[in-house]
Amino acid sequence: MKEGPDSNTGSGARETQAFPGGIKKLEAGALLPDWVVRLDRTAFGAAWKAPADHECLWLIPEVAFARWALIPAAGEAELLRIAVDPAYRGQSLGRVLLEACQRDLAAEGLIRLFLEVRTSNAAAIRLYGACGWQRCGLRSGYYPDGEDAVLFRHGRP
């Protein structure tokens, strides 16, 4: 698997009919576009490497990304990261991207979705609630700084 940045759209990115409006899916093994690496660092303090064999990213090019771990045998997926460039926040792009991911994952038979989010991330918690996610637990001291994580699920239990 290749690692490291790529330019603009990145190899492996493709538009899908399930993602109208320029949302693209970046398959496992593809190089991460430079802008994803920069946004990952901006949003989370450090960038992850190229998607692992069981991961995919959905992109609004130059603006936002969502990174998922896929578990097809169980019909499950976990949202690992979602980020919108600060210059584009407040335009519902996070919701557009999350809802597109949910539709595409369901079309692939991945109907049980999960995520963790910091208890202090009120904007993300509102987004997940607006997109039909339900709180299903709490991980005490989950993050390195000791903050708790709220667990969410979407789809059939």
Protein backbone atom coordinates (compact mmCIF):
# COMPACT_ATOMS: atom_id res chain seq x y z
CA MET A 1 0.00 0.00 0.00
CA LYS A 2 1.32 3.43 -0.90
CA GLU A 3 1.57 6.13 1.75
CA GLY A 4 2.02 9.87 1.66
CA PRO A 5 0.42 12.89 0.06
CA ASP A 6 -0.76 13.24 -3.50
CA SER A 7 -1.93 16.29 -5.39
CA ASN A 8 -5.49 17.57 -5.50
CA THR A 9 -7.86 14.67 -6.23
CA GLY A 10 -5.40 11.86 -5.42
CA SER A 11 -5.15 8.54 -7.15
CA GLY A 12 -7.96 6.16 -6.37
CA ALA A 13 -10.58 8.90 -6.02
CA ARG A 14 -13.68 8.34 -8.07
CA GLU A 15 -17.08 9.94 -8.34
CA THR A 16 -19.94 7.59 -7.67
CA GLN A 17 -23.57 7.93 -8.63
CA ALA A 18 -24.40 7.55 -4.94
CA PHE A 19 -22.50 10.79 -4.25
CA PRO A 20 -23.90 13.57 -6.40
CA GLY A 21 -22.58 17.08 -6.08
CA GLY A 22 -18.91 16.27 -6.41
CA ILE A 23 -18.50 13.96 -3.41
CA LYS A 24 -15.86 11.37 -4.19
CA LYS A 25 -14.84 8.09 -2.61
CA LEU A 26 -11.17 7.33 -2.03
CA GLU A 27 -10.55 3.59 -1.87
CA ALA A 28 -8.12 1.71 0.38
CA GLY A 29 -4.53 1.93 -0.79
CA ALA A 30 -4.97 5.27 -2.55
CA LEU A 31 -2.68 8.15 -1.79
CA LEU A 32 -4.10 10.87 0.42
CA PRO A 33 -4.42 14.22 -1.32
CA ASP A 34 -2.27 16.98 0.19
CA TRP A 35 -5.33 18.94 1.28
CA VAL A 36 -6.66 15.94 3.29
CA VAL A 37 -3.34 15.69 5.14
CA ARG A 38 -3.44 19.45 5.91
CA LEU A 39 -7.09 19.36 7.05
CA ASP A 40 -6.44 16.25 9.16
CA ARG A 41 -3.63 18.11 10.95
CA THR A 42 -5.75 21.24 11.36
CA ALA A 43 -8.75 19.36 12.76
CA PHE A 44 -7.03 16.67 14.83
CA GLY A 45 -3.43 17.81 15.41
CA ALA A 46 -1.89 14.96 13.41
CA ALA A 47 -2.58 13.34 10.07
CA TRP A 48 -3.21 9.64 9.59
CA LYS A 49 -1.61 7.64 6.81
CA ALA A 50 -3.23 6.37 3.61
CA PRO A 51 -6.38 4.29 4.11
CA ALA A 52 -5.77 0.77 5.38
CA ASP A 53 -7.21 -2.20 3.47
CA HIS A 54 -10.48 -1.98 5.43
CA GLU A 55 -10.85 1.83 5.24
CA CYS A 56 -12.35 4.31 2.77
CA LEU A 57 -12.60 8.08 2.67
CA TRP A 58 -15.38 10.18 1.22
CA LEU A 59 -14.31 13.62 0.05
CA ILE A 60 -15.76 16.97 -0.83
CA PRO A 61 -12.57 17.97 -2.67
CA GLU A 62 -10.54 20.71 -0.99
CA VAL A 63 -13.25 21.13 1.66
CA ALA A 64 -14.13 18.07 3.80
CA PHE A 65 -13.52 14.36 4.34
CA ALA A 66 -14.97 11.43 6.28
CA ARG A 67 -12.83 8.37 7.06
CA TRP A 68 -14.53 5.04 7.77
CA ALA A 69 -13.43 1.56 8.85
CA LEU A 70 -15.55 -1.04 7.03
CA ILE A 71 -16.50 -4.46 8.40
CA PRO A 72 -18.58 -5.99 5.59
CA ALA A 73 -18.91 -9.46 7.14
CA ALA A 74 -20.71 -7.89 10.11
CA GLY A 75 -22.62 -5.28 8.10
CA GLU A 76 -20.88 -2.59 10.12
CA ALA A 77 -18.77 0.52 9.67
CA GLU A 78 -17.15 2.94 12.11
CA LEU A 79 -16.70 6.65 11.45
CA LEU A 80 -13.08 7.29 12.39
CA ARG A 81 -12.80 10.97 11.44
CA ILE A 82 -14.87 13.67 9.80
CA ALA A 83 -13.61 17.18 9.20
CA VAL A 84 -14.68 20.31 7.35
CA ASP A 85 -12.20 23.05 6.52
CA PRO A 86 -12.75 25.94 8.99
CA ALA A 87 -13.34 28.35 6.08
CA TYR A 88 -16.38 26.26 4.99
CA ARG A 89 -17.99 25.49 8.34
CA GLY A 90 -21.55 26.58 9.00
CA GLN A 91 -22.75 25.64 5.50
CA SER A 92 -24.09 22.16 6.41
CA LEU A 93 -21.30 20.45 4.45
CA GLY A 94 -20.58 18.07 7.33
CA ARG A 95 -24.22 16.97 7.23
CA VAL A 96 -24.20 16.64 3.42
CA LEU A 97 -21.07 14.48 3.60
CA LEU A 98 -22.28 12.35 6.53
CA GLU A 99 -25.67 11.69 4.92
CA ALA A 100 -24.01 10.76 1.62
CA CYS A 101 -21.74 8.31 3.46
CA GLN A 102 -24.70 6.79 5.29
CA ARG A 103 -26.58 6.24 2.00
CA ASP A 104 -23.58 4.71 0.24
CA LEU A 105 -22.70 2.46 3.17
CA ALA A 106 -26.31 1.24 3.37
CA ALA A 107 -26.21 0.49 -0.37
CA GLU A 108 -23.15 -1.68 0.33
CA GLY A 109 -25.03 -3.53 3.10
CA LEU A 110 -23.25 -1.72 5.93
CA ILE A 111 -26.29 -0.87 8.02
CA ARG A 112 -24.90 -0.75 11.56
CA LEU A 113 -22.75 2.36 11.99
CA PHE A 114 -20.76 3.46 15.03
CA LEU A 115 -18.60 6.36 16.20
CA GLU A 116 -17.02 7.98 19.25
CA VAL A 117 -16.90 11.75 19.85
CA ARG A 118 -15.45 13.94 22.57
CA THR A 119 -18.05 14.99 25.14
CA SER A 120 -16.91 18.60 24.58
CA ASN A 121 -17.58 18.52 20.81
CA ALA A 122 -21.08 20.01 20.93
CA ALA A 123 -21.21 20.80 17.20
CA ALA A 124 -20.44 17.20 16.24
CA ILE A 125 -22.92 15.84 18.78
CA ARG A 126 -25.65 18.09 17.27
CA LEU A 127 -24.70 16.93 13.75
CA TYR A 128 -24.94 13.25 14.68
CA GLY A 129 -28.31 13.74 16.36
CA ALA A 130 -29.63 15.64 13.32
CA CYS A 131 -28.52 12.76 11.08
CA GLY A 132 -30.39 10.13 13.09
CA TRP A 133 -27.56 8.84 15.28
CA GLN A 134 -28.42 7.66 18.81
CA ARG A 135 -26.25 7.78 21.91
CA CYS A 136 -25.46 4.27 23.08
CA GLY A 137 -22.72 4.61 25.69
CA LEU A 138 -19.79 6.46 27.20
CA ARG A 139 -16.09 5.60 27.29
CA SER A 140 -14.58 7.16 30.40
CA GLY A 141 -11.11 8.67 29.90
CA TYR A 142 -11.04 7.52 26.25
CA TYR A 143 -8.84 10.29 24.86
CA PRO A 144 -5.16 10.77 25.81
CA ASP A 145 -6.01 13.96 27.71
CA GLY A 146 -8.53 12.02 29.82
CA GLU A 147 -11.70 13.36 28.18
CA ASP A 148 -14.62 10.98 27.85
CA ALA A 149 -16.06 9.83 24.53
CA VAL A 150 -19.78 9.58 23.80
CA LEU A 151 -20.65 6.50 21.73
CA PHE A 152 -23.21 6.73 18.96
CA ARG A 153 -24.86 4.20 16.68
CA HIS A 154 -26.97 4.48 13.55
CA GLY A 155 -29.11 1.79 11.96
CA ARG A 156 -30.32 -1.48 13.32
CA PRO A 157 -28.94 -2.54 16.72
